[in-house]
PDB file of N, CA and C in Angstrom:
ATOM      1  N   MET A   1      44.241 138.568 156.593  1.00  0.00           N
ATOM      2  CA  MET A   1      44.142 139.769 157.379  1.00  0.00           C
ATOM      3  C   MET A   1      42.890 139.661 158.248  1.00  0.00           C
ATOM      4  N   ALA A   2      43.027 140.008 159.506  1.00  0.00           N
ATOM      5  CA  ALA A   2      41.907 139.912 160.443  1.00  0.00           C
ATOM      6  C   ALA A   2      40.924 141.054 160.236  1.00  0.00           C
ATOM      7  N   TYR A   3      39.740 140.834 160.706  1.00  0.00           N
ATOM      8  CA  TYR A   3      38.678 141.828 160.629  1.00  0.00           C
ATOM      9  C   TYR A   3      38.759 142.708 161.868  1.00  0.00           C
ATOM     10  N   ASP A   4      38.822 144.023 161.709  1.00  0.00           N
ATOM     11  CA  ASP A   4      39.034 144.953 162.806  1.00  0.00           C
ATOM     12  C   ASP A   4      37.755 145.524 163.397  1.00  0.00           C
ATOM     13  N   PHE A   5      36.608 144.922 163.122  1.00  0.00           N
ATOM     14  CA  PHE A   5      35.328 145.499 163.531  1.00  0.00           C
ATOM     15  C   PHE A   5      35.310 145.841 165.024  1.00  0.00           C
ATOM     16  N   GLY A   6      35.671 144.900 165.875  1.00  0.00           N
ATOM     17  CA  GLY A   6      35.632 145.133 167.317  1.00  0.00           C
ATOM     18  C   GLY A   6      36.594 146.209 167.759  1.00  0.00           C
ATOM     19  N   THR A   7      37.775 146.213 167.194  1.00  0.00           N
ATOM     20  CA  THR A   7      38.773 147.213 167.555  1.00  0.00           C
ATOM     21  C   THR A   7      38.317 148.606 167.159  1.00  0.00           C
ATOM     22  N   ILE A   8      37.772 148.740 165.977  1.00  0.00           N
ATOM     23  CA  ILE A   8      37.289 150.044 165.513  1.00  0.00           C
ATOM     24  C   ILE A   8      36.162 150.521 166.417  1.00  0.00           C
ATOM     25  N   ASP A   9      35.209 149.660 166.701  1.00  0.00           N
ATOM     26  CA  ASP A   9      34.096 150.059 167.561  1.00  0.00           C
ATOM     27  C   ASP A   9      34.576 150.393 168.972  1.00  0.00           C
ATOM     28  N   ALA A  10      35.541 149.657 169.487  1.00  0.00           N
ATOM     29  CA  ALA A  10      36.074 149.955 170.817  1.00  0.00           C
ATOM     30  C   ALA A  10      36.767 151.316 170.828  1.00  0.00           C
ATOM     31  N   THR A  11      37.503 151.606 169.774  1.00  0.00           N
ATOM     32  CA  THR A  11      38.164 152.908 169.663  1.00  0.00           C
ATOM     33  C   THR A  11      37.136 154.026 169.620  1.00  0.00           C
ATOM     34  N   LEU A  12      36.095 153.840 168.840  1.00  0.00           N
ATOM     35  CA  LEU A  12      35.047 154.857 168.742  1.00  0.00           C
ATOM     36  C   LEU A  12      34.293 155.003 170.063  1.00  0.00           C
ATOM     37  N   ALA A  13      33.991 153.900 170.720  1.00  0.00           N
ATOM     38  CA  ALA A  13      33.282 153.954 171.997  1.00  0.00           C
ATOM     39  C   ALA A  13      34.125 154.669 173.051  1.00  0.00           C
ATOM     40  N   ALA A  14      35.434 154.459 173.019  1.00  0.00           N
ATOM     41  CA  ALA A  14      36.310 155.151 173.968  1.00  0.00           C
ATOM     42  C   ALA A  14      36.303 156.650 173.717  1.00  0.00           C
ATOM     43  N   ALA A  15      36.111 157.041 172.472  1.00  0.00           N
ATOM     44  CA  ALA A  15      36.127 158.463 172.129  1.00  0.00           C
ATOM     45  C   ALA A  15      34.797 159.153 172.402  1.00  0.00           C
ATOM     46  N   VAL A  16      33.673 158.448 172.160  1.00  0.00           N
ATOM     47  CA  VAL A  16      32.367 159.113 172.253  1.00  0.00           C
ATOM     48  C   VAL A  16      31.439 158.512 173.290  1.00  0.00           C
ATOM     49  N   GLY A  17      31.841 157.428 173.934  1.00  0.00           N
ATOM     50  CA  GLY A  17      30.987 156.805 174.936  1.00  0.00           C
ATOM     51  C   GLY A  17      29.967 155.877 174.313  1.00  0.00           C
ATOM     52  N   ASP A  18      28.966 155.573 175.091  1.00  0.00           N
ATOM     53  CA  ASP A  18      27.933 154.626 174.674  1.00  0.00           C
ATOM     54  C   ASP A  18      26.859 155.355 173.865  1.00  0.00           C
ATOM     55  N   GLU A  19      27.216 155.686 172.638  1.00  0.00           N
ATOM     56  CA  GLU A  19      26.318 156.395 171.717  1.00  0.00           C
ATOM     57  C   GLU A  19      26.281 155.623 170.400  1.00  0.00           C
ATOM     58  N   PRO A  20      25.468 154.561 170.335  1.00  0.00           N
ATOM     59  CA  PRO A  20      25.467 153.705 169.146  1.00  0.00           C
ATOM     60  C   PRO A  20      25.244 154.455 167.831  1.00  0.00           C
ATOM     61  N   ALA A  21      24.373 155.438 167.825  1.00  0.00           N
ATOM     62  CA  ALA A  21      24.103 156.173 166.580  1.00  0.00           C
ATOM     63  C   ALA A  21      25.330 156.965 166.149  1.00  0.00           C
ATOM     64  N   LEU A  22      26.012 157.581 167.104  1.00  0.00           N
ATOM     65  CA  LEU A  22      27.210 158.343 166.786  1.00  0.00           C
ATOM     66  C   LEU A  22      28.344 157.423 166.339  1.00  0.00           C
ATOM     67  N   ILE A  23      28.473 156.281 167.000  1.00  0.00           N
ATOM     68  CA  ILE A  23      29.490 155.305 166.603  1.00  0.00           C
ATOM     69  C   ILE A  23      29.237 154.844 165.166  1.00  0.00           C
ATOM     70  N   ALA A  24      27.987 154.570 164.833  1.00  0.00           N
ATOM     71  CA  ALA A  24      27.647 154.141 163.471  1.00  0.00           C
ATOM     72  C   ALA A  24      27.954 155.239 162.454  1.00  0.00           C
ATOM     73  N   GLU A  25      27.661 156.480 162.810  1.00  0.00           N
ATOM     74  CA  GLU A  25      27.942 157.601 161.910  1.00  0.00           C
ATOM     75  C   GLU A  25      29.443 157.776 161.695  1.00  0.00           C
ATOM     76  N   LEU A  26      30.216 157.681 162.776  1.00  0.00           N
ATOM     77  CA  LEU A  26      31.672 157.814 162.658  1.00  0.00           C
ATOM     78  C   LEU A  26      32.271 156.652 161.872  1.00  0.00           C
ATOM     79  N   ARG A  27      31.751 155.448 162.093  1.00  0.00           N
ATOM     80  CA  ARG A  27      32.223 154.281 161.345  1.00  0.00           C
ATOM     81  C   ARG A  27      31.969 154.478 159.858  1.00  0.00           C
ATOM     82  N   SER A  28      30.800 154.981 159.512  1.00  0.00           N
ATOM     83  CA  SER A  28      30.456 155.242 158.115  1.00  0.00           C
ATOM     84  C   SER A  28      31.394 156.286 157.507  1.00  0.00           C
ATOM     85  N   ALA A  29      31.678 157.334 158.261  1.00  0.00           N
ATOM     86  CA  ALA A  29      32.601 158.368 157.781  1.00  0.00           C
ATOM     87  C   ALA A  29      33.995 157.787 157.581  1.00  0.00           C
ATOM     88  N   PHE A  30      34.412 156.909 158.480  1.00  0.00           N
ATOM     89  CA  PHE A  30      35.714 156.259 158.352  1.00  0.00           C
ATOM     90  C   PHE A  30      35.781 155.416 157.087  1.00  0.00           C
ATOM     91  N   VAL A  31      34.760 154.610 156.847  1.00  0.00           N
ATOM     92  CA  VAL A  31      34.743 153.749 155.660  1.00  0.00           C
ATOM     93  C   VAL A  31      34.765 154.597 154.390  1.00  0.00           C
ATOM     94  N   ASP A  32      33.968 155.657 154.363  1.00  0.00           N
ATOM     95  CA  ASP A  32      33.966 156.555 153.195  1.00  0.00           C
ATOM     96  C   ASP A  32      35.349 157.163 152.973  1.00  0.00           C
ATOM     97  N   SER A  33      35.990 157.593 154.043  1.00  0.00           N
ATOM     98  CA  SER A  33      37.326 158.184 153.930  1.00  0.00           C
ATOM     99  C   SER A  33      38.352 157.160 153.457  1.00  0.00           C
ATOM    100  N   ALA A  34      38.217 155.932 153.926  1.00  0.00           N
ATOM    101  CA  ALA A  34      39.136 154.870 153.493  1.00  0.00           C
ATOM    102  C   ALA A  34      38.976 154.607 151.996  1.00  0.00           C
ATOM    103  N   HIS A  35      37.738 154.608 151.520  1.00  0.00           N
ATOM    104  CA  HIS A  35      37.506 154.425 150.078  1.00  0.00           C
ATOM    105  C   HIS A  35      38.119 155.580 149.277  1.00  0.00           C
ATOM    106  N   ARG A  36      37.991 156.800 149.770  1.00  0.00           N
ATOM    107  CA  ARG A  36      38.579 157.953 149.062  1.00  0.00           C
ATOM    108  C   ARG A  36      40.107 157.873 149.058  1.00  0.00           C
ATOM    109  N   ALA A  37      40.690 157.474 150.170  1.00  0.00           N
ATOM    110  CA  ALA A  37      42.146 157.343 150.232  1.00  0.00           C
ATOM    111  C   ALA A  37      42.629 156.257 149.279  1.00  0.00           C
ATOM    112  N   LEU A  38      41.899 155.175 149.204  1.00  0.00           N
ATOM    113  CA  LEU A  38      42.256 154.101 148.273  1.00  0.00           C
ATOM    114  C   LEU A  38      42.120 154.573 146.831  1.00  0.00           C
ATOM    115  N   SER A  39      41.083 155.333 146.539  1.00  0.00           N
ATOM    116  CA  SER A  39      40.922 155.895 145.190  1.00  0.00           C
ATOM    117  C   SER A  39      42.086 156.816 144.843  1.00  0.00           C
ATOM    118  N   ALA A  40      42.564 157.572 145.818  1.00  0.00           N
ATOM    119  CA  ALA A  40      43.714 158.451 145.585  1.00  0.00           C
ATOM    120  C   ALA A  40      44.960 157.628 145.263  1.00  0.00           C
ATOM    121  N   MET A  41      45.121 156.492 145.918  1.00  0.00           N
ATOM    122  CA  MET A  41      46.263 155.623 145.602  1.00  0.00           C
ATOM    123  C   MET A  41      46.144 155.110 144.177  1.00  0.00           C
ATOM    124  N   GLU A  42      44.946 154.708 143.781  1.00  0.00           N
ATOM    125  CA  GLU A  42      44.744 154.198 142.424  1.00  0.00           C
ATOM    126  C   GLU A  42      45.023 155.273 141.379  1.00  0.00           C
ATOM    127  N   ALA A  43      44.744 156.514 141.713  1.00  0.00           N
ATOM    128  CA  ALA A  43      44.930 157.618 140.769  1.00  0.00           C
ATOM    129  C   ALA A  43      46.365 158.152 140.764  1.00  0.00           C
ATOM    130  N   ALA A  44      47.162 157.760 141.729  1.00  0.00           N
ATOM    131  CA  ALA A  44      48.526 158.286 141.841  1.00  0.00           C
ATOM    132  C   ALA A  44      49.351 157.918 140.607  1.00  0.00           C
ATOM    133  N   SER A  45      50.049 158.904 140.079  1.00  0.00           N
ATOM    134  CA  SER A  45      50.866 158.664 138.889  1.00  0.00           C
ATOM    135  C   SER A  45      52.355 158.851 139.162  1.00  0.00           C
ATOM    136  N   SER A  46      52.690 159.216 140.391  1.00  0.00           N
ATOM    137  CA  SER A  46      54.095 159.394 140.742  1.00  0.00           C
ATOM    138  C   SER A  46      54.364 158.696 142.075  1.00  0.00           C
ATOM    139  N   PRO A  47      55.619 158.343 142.320  1.00  0.00           N
ATOM    140  CA  PRO A  47      55.946 157.702 143.596  1.00  0.00           C
ATOM    141  C   PRO A  47      55.563 158.561 144.803  1.00  0.00           C
ATOM    142  N   GLY A  48      55.740 159.866 144.697  1.00  0.00           N
ATOM    143  CA  GLY A  48      55.397 160.748 145.808  1.00  0.00           C
ATOM    144  C   GLY A  48      53.915 160.755 146.107  1.00  0.00           C
ATOM    145  N   ALA A  49      53.099 160.823 145.066  1.00  0.00           N
ATOM    146  CA  ALA A  49      51.643 160.821 145.252  1.00  0.00           C
ATOM    147  C   ALA A  49      51.178 159.482 145.806  1.00  0.00           C
ATOM    148  N   TRP A  50      51.762 158.410 145.298  1.00  0.00           N
ATOM    149  CA  TRP A  50      51.428 157.068 145.780  1.00  0.00           C
ATOM    150  C   TRP A  50      51.759 156.941 147.269  1.00  0.00           C
ATOM    151  N   GLN A  51      52.970 157.337 147.624  1.00  0.00           N
ATOM    152  CA  GLN A  51      53.407 157.217 149.006  1.00  0.00           C
ATOM    153  C   GLN A  51      52.557 158.090 149.934  1.00  0.00           C
ATOM    154  N   GLN A  52      52.275 159.306 149.518  1.00  0.00           N
ATOM    155  CA  GLN A  52      51.460 160.202 150.333  1.00  0.00           C
ATOM    156  C   GLN A  52      50.055 159.625 150.547  1.00  0.00           C
ATOM    157  N   SER A  53      49.481 159.047 149.513  1.00  0.00           N
ATOM    158  CA  SER A  53      48.158 158.442 149.636  1.00  0.00           C
ATOM    159  C   SER A  53      48.192 157.234 150.575  1.00  0.00           C
ATOM    160  N   GLY A  54      49.250 156.456 150.491  1.00  0.00           N
ATOM    161  CA  GLY A  54      49.400 155.315 151.396  1.00  0.00           C
ATOM    162  C   GLY A  54      49.536 155.764 152.840  1.00  0.00           C
ATOM    163  N   TRP A  55      50.320 156.805 153.052  1.00  0.00           N
ATOM    164  CA  TRP A  55      50.463 157.339 154.409  1.00  0.00           C
ATOM    165  C   TRP A  55      49.144 157.908 154.928  1.00  0.00           C
ATOM    166  N   ARG A  56      48.389 158.550 154.042  1.00  0.00           N
ATOM    167  CA  ARG A  56      47.088 159.094 154.448  1.00  0.00           C
ATOM    168  C   ARG A  56      46.169 157.957 154.903  1.00  0.00           C
ATOM    169  N   LEU A  57      46.150 156.876 154.140  1.00  0.00           N
ATOM    170  CA  LEU A  57      45.332 155.729 154.510  1.00  0.00           C
ATOM    171  C   LEU A  57      45.841 155.105 155.810  1.00  0.00           C
ATOM    172  N   LYS A  58      47.133 155.020 155.965  1.00  0.00           N
ATOM    173  CA  LYS A  58      47.719 154.470 157.189  1.00  0.00           C
ATOM    174  C   LYS A  58      47.326 155.311 158.400  1.00  0.00           C
ATOM    175  N   GLY A  59      47.428 156.626 158.291  1.00  0.00           N
ATOM    176  CA  GLY A  59      47.067 157.505 159.395  1.00  0.00           C
ATOM    177  C   GLY A  59      45.587 157.421 159.733  1.00  0.00           C
ATOM    178  N   LEU A  60      44.762 157.356 158.710  1.00  0.00           N
ATOM    179  CA  LEU A  60      43.325 157.221 158.917  1.00  0.00           C
ATOM    180  C   LEU A  60      43.029 155.926 159.665  1.00  0.00           C
ATOM    181  N   ALA A  61      43.622 154.839 159.209  1.00  0.00           N
ATOM    182  CA  ALA A  61      43.409 153.542 159.854  1.00  0.00           C
ATOM    183  C   ALA A  61      43.890 153.568 161.302  1.00  0.00           C
ATOM    184  N   ALA A  62      45.023 154.192 161.554  1.00  0.00           N
ATOM    185  CA  ALA A  62      45.546 154.286 162.916  1.00  0.00           C
ATOM    186  C   ALA A  62      44.602 155.073 163.815  1.00  0.00           C
ATOM    187  N   SER A  63      44.026 156.129 163.283  1.00  0.00           N
ATOM    188  CA  SER A  63      43.116 156.968 164.061  1.00  0.00           C
ATOM    189  C   SER A  63      41.878 156.212 164.524  1.00  0.00           C
ATOM    190  N   PHE A  64      41.494 155.204 163.765  1.00  0.00           N
ATOM    191  CA  PHE A  64      40.289 154.453 164.087  1.00  0.00           C
ATOM    192  C   PHE A  64      40.589 153.069 164.655  1.00  0.00           C
ATOM    193  N   GLY A  65      41.833 152.766 164.909  1.00  0.00           N
ATOM    194  CA  GLY A  65      42.181 151.486 165.488  1.00  0.00           C
ATOM    195  C   GLY A  65      42.099 150.314 164.534  1.00  0.00           C
ATOM    196  N   ALA A  66      42.120 150.578 163.232  1.00  0.00           N
ATOM    197  CA  ALA A  66      42.088 149.506 162.228  1.00  0.00           C
ATOM    198  C   ALA A  66      43.534 149.065 161.978  1.00  0.00           C
ATOM    199  N   LEU A  67      44.051 148.286 162.900  1.00  0.00           N
ATOM    200  CA  LEU A  67      45.476 147.978 162.927  1.00  0.00           C
ATOM    201  C   LEU A  67      45.957 147.195 161.706  1.00  0.00           C
ATOM    202  N   ASP A  68      45.163 146.244 161.249  1.00  0.00           N
ATOM    203  CA  ASP A  68      45.578 145.471 160.074  1.00  0.00           C
ATOM    204  C   ASP A  68      45.641 146.351 158.831  1.00  0.00           C
ATOM    205  N   LEU A  69      44.642 147.215 158.665  1.00  0.00           N
ATOM    206  CA  LEU A  69      44.652 148.131 157.526  1.00  0.00           C
ATOM    207  C   LEU A  69      45.810 149.107 157.639  1.00  0.00           C
ATOM    208  N   MET A  70      46.102 149.547 158.838  1.00  0.00           N
ATOM    209  CA  MET A  70      47.221 150.459 159.061  1.00  0.00           C
ATOM    210  C   MET A  70      48.537 149.812 158.604  1.00  0.00           C
ATOM    211  N   ALA A  71      48.755 148.574 158.998  1.00  0.00           N
ATOM    212  CA  ALA A  71      49.983 147.874 158.613  1.00  0.00           C
ATOM    213  C   ALA A  71      50.053 147.680 157.101  1.00  0.00           C
ATOM    214  N   LEU A  72      48.958 147.280 156.505  1.00  0.00           N
ATOM    215  CA  LEU A  72      48.921 147.053 155.060  1.00  0.00           C
ATOM    216  C   LEU A  72      49.153 148.361 154.298  1.00  0.00           C
ATOM    217  N   ALA A  73      48.543 149.452 154.753  1.00  0.00           N
ATOM    218  CA  ALA A  73      48.736 150.742 154.082  1.00  0.00           C
ATOM    219  C   ALA A  73      50.185 151.199 154.198  1.00  0.00           C
ATOM    220  N   GLY A  74      50.826 150.920 155.319  1.00  0.00           N
ATOM    221  CA  GLY A  74      52.244 151.246 155.462  1.00  0.00           C
ATOM    222  C   GLY A  74      53.106 150.472 154.480  1.00  0.00           C
ATOM    223  N   GLU A  75      52.809 149.200 154.311  1.00  0.00           N
ATOM    224  CA  GLU A  75      53.523 148.388 153.320  1.00  0.00           C
ATOM    225  C   GLU A  75      53.250 148.915 151.916  1.00  0.00           C
ATOM    226  N   ALA A  76      51.999 149.269 151.669  1.00  0.00           N
ATOM    227  CA  ALA A  76      51.610 149.751 150.342  1.00  0.00           C
ATOM    228  C   ALA A  76      52.338 151.034 149.984  1.00  0.00           C
ATOM    229  N   ALA A  77      52.523 151.913 150.954  1.00  0.00           N
ATOM    230  CA  ALA A  77      53.199 153.182 150.697  1.00  0.00           C
ATOM    231  C   ALA A  77      54.615 152.967 150.174  1.00  0.00           C
ATOM    232  N   ASP A  78      55.226 151.853 150.550  1.00  0.00           N
ATOM    233  CA  ASP A  78      56.588 151.549 150.116  1.00  0.00           C
ATOM    234  C   ASP A  78      56.647 150.704 148.848  1.00  0.00           C
ATOM    235  N   ALA A  79      55.493 150.304 148.338  1.00  0.00           N
ATOM    236  CA  ALA A  79      55.441 149.474 147.127  1.00  0.00           C
ATOM    237  C   ALA A  79      55.562 150.343 145.875  1.00  0.00           C
ATOM    238  N   GLN A  80      55.654 149.694 144.753  1.00  0.00           N
ATOM    239  CA  GLN A  80      55.719 150.396 143.475  1.00  0.00           C
ATOM    240  C   GLN A  80      54.379 151.049 143.162  1.00  0.00           C
ATOM    241  N   VAL A  81      54.415 152.181 142.506  1.00  0.00           N
ATOM    242  CA  VAL A  81      53.200 152.884 142.107  1.00  0.00           C
ATOM    243  C   VAL A  81      52.316 151.948 141.287  1.00  0.00           C
ATOM    244  N   GLY A  82      51.045 151.848 141.684  1.00  0.00           N
ATOM    245  CA  GLY A  82      50.081 151.061 140.933  1.00  0.00           C
ATOM    246  C   GLY A  82      50.200 149.561 141.091  1.00  0.00           C
ATOM    247  N   ASP A  83      50.952 149.082 142.064  1.00  0.00           N
ATOM    248  CA  ASP A  83      51.136 147.644 142.271  1.00  0.00           C
ATOM    249  C   ASP A  83      49.767 146.971 142.404  1.00  0.00           C
ATOM    250  N   ALA A  84      49.417 146.153 141.430  1.00  0.00           N
ATOM    251  CA  ALA A  84      48.089 145.540 141.370  1.00  0.00           C
ATOM    252  C   ALA A  84      47.811 144.628 142.561  1.00  0.00           C
ATOM    253  N   ALA A  85      48.813 143.878 142.999  1.00  0.00           N
ATOM    254  CA  ALA A  85      48.619 142.973 144.137  1.00  0.00           C
ATOM    255  C   ALA A  85      48.357 143.761 145.418  1.00  0.00           C
ATOM    256  N   VAL A  86      49.082 144.843 145.600  1.00  0.00           N
ATOM    257  CA  VAL A  86      48.887 145.691 146.778  1.00  0.00           C
ATOM    258  C   VAL A  86      47.501 146.327 146.747  1.00  0.00           C
ATOM    259  N   LEU A  87      47.111 146.847 145.600  1.00  0.00           N
ATOM    260  CA  LEU A  87      45.785 147.460 145.482  1.00  0.00           C
ATOM    261  C   LEU A  87      44.687 146.436 145.752  1.00  0.00           C
ATOM    262  N   HIS A  88      44.872 145.225 145.273  1.00  0.00           N
ATOM    263  CA  HIS A  88      43.890 144.168 145.516  1.00  0.00           C
ATOM    264  C   HIS A  88      43.753 143.896 147.015  1.00  0.00           C
ATOM    265  N   ARG A  89      44.878 143.772 147.707  1.00  0.00           N
ATOM    266  CA  ARG A  89      44.849 143.525 149.153  1.00  0.00           C
ATOM    267  C   ARG A  89      44.199 144.687 149.889  1.00  0.00           C
ATOM    268  N   LEU A  90      44.477 145.911 149.456  1.00  0.00           N
ATOM    269  CA  LEU A  90      43.857 147.078 150.085  1.00  0.00           C
ATOM    270  C   LEU A  90      42.347 147.093 149.858  1.00  0.00           C
ATOM    271  N   HIS A  91      41.923 146.774 148.635  1.00  0.00           N
ATOM    272  CA  HIS A  91      40.485 146.713 148.349  1.00  0.00           C
ATOM    273  C   HIS A  91      39.799 145.680 149.245  1.00  0.00           C
ATOM    274  N   GLU A  92      40.425 144.532 149.410  1.00  0.00           N
ATOM    275  CA  GLU A  92      39.855 143.508 150.270  1.00  0.00           C
ATOM    276  C   GLU A  92      39.748 144.006 151.713  1.00  0.00           C
ATOM    277  N   ALA A  93      40.804 144.636 152.206  1.00  0.00           N
ATOM    278  CA  ALA A  93      40.817 145.121 153.589  1.00  0.00           C
ATOM    279  C   ALA A  93      39.774 146.211 153.803  1.00  0.00           C
ATOM    280  N   VAL A  94      39.686 147.152 152.896  1.00  0.00           N
ATOM    281  CA  VAL A  94      38.693 148.226 153.026  1.00  0.00           C
ATOM    282  C   VAL A  94      37.283 147.650 152.881  1.00  0.00           C
ATOM    283  N   GLY A  95      37.118 146.673 152.020  1.00  0.00           N
ATOM    284  CA  GLY A  95      35.811 146.038 151.857  1.00  0.00           C
ATOM    285  C   GLY A  95      35.324 145.334 153.109  1.00  0.00           C
ATOM    286  N   ARG A  96      36.240 144.881 153.935  1.00  0.00           N
ATOM    287  CA  ARG A  96      35.863 144.197 155.178  1.00  0.00           C
ATOM    288  C   ARG A  96      35.497 145.174 156.289  1.00  0.00           C
ATOM    289  N   LEU A  97      35.719 146.450 156.077  1.00  0.00           N
ATOM    290  CA  LEU A  97      35.401 147.411 157.132  1.00  0.00           C
ATOM    291  C   LEU A  97      33.913 147.530 157.290  1.00  0.00           C
TER     292      LEU A  97
END
């Protein structure tokens, strides 16, 4: 999976302009939100909760231009609840943010 650093920063710069401090703050908020969404997937005990958490992560990633994470979260939403391989891939992707 590719690293989306440039895409995320370009998306943020398009939204707020040349404001490095604001871009850094928004990036931090995005990463925190991605970690919370991933935690919600790990805590999901039903297919509906799992799928909803995956969609939440997918939407969050789409909002910030993290295209690889968006695609992976979409795949994850359709996987079995608690799929260890999917969770591992998601952890790796979120860790690269």
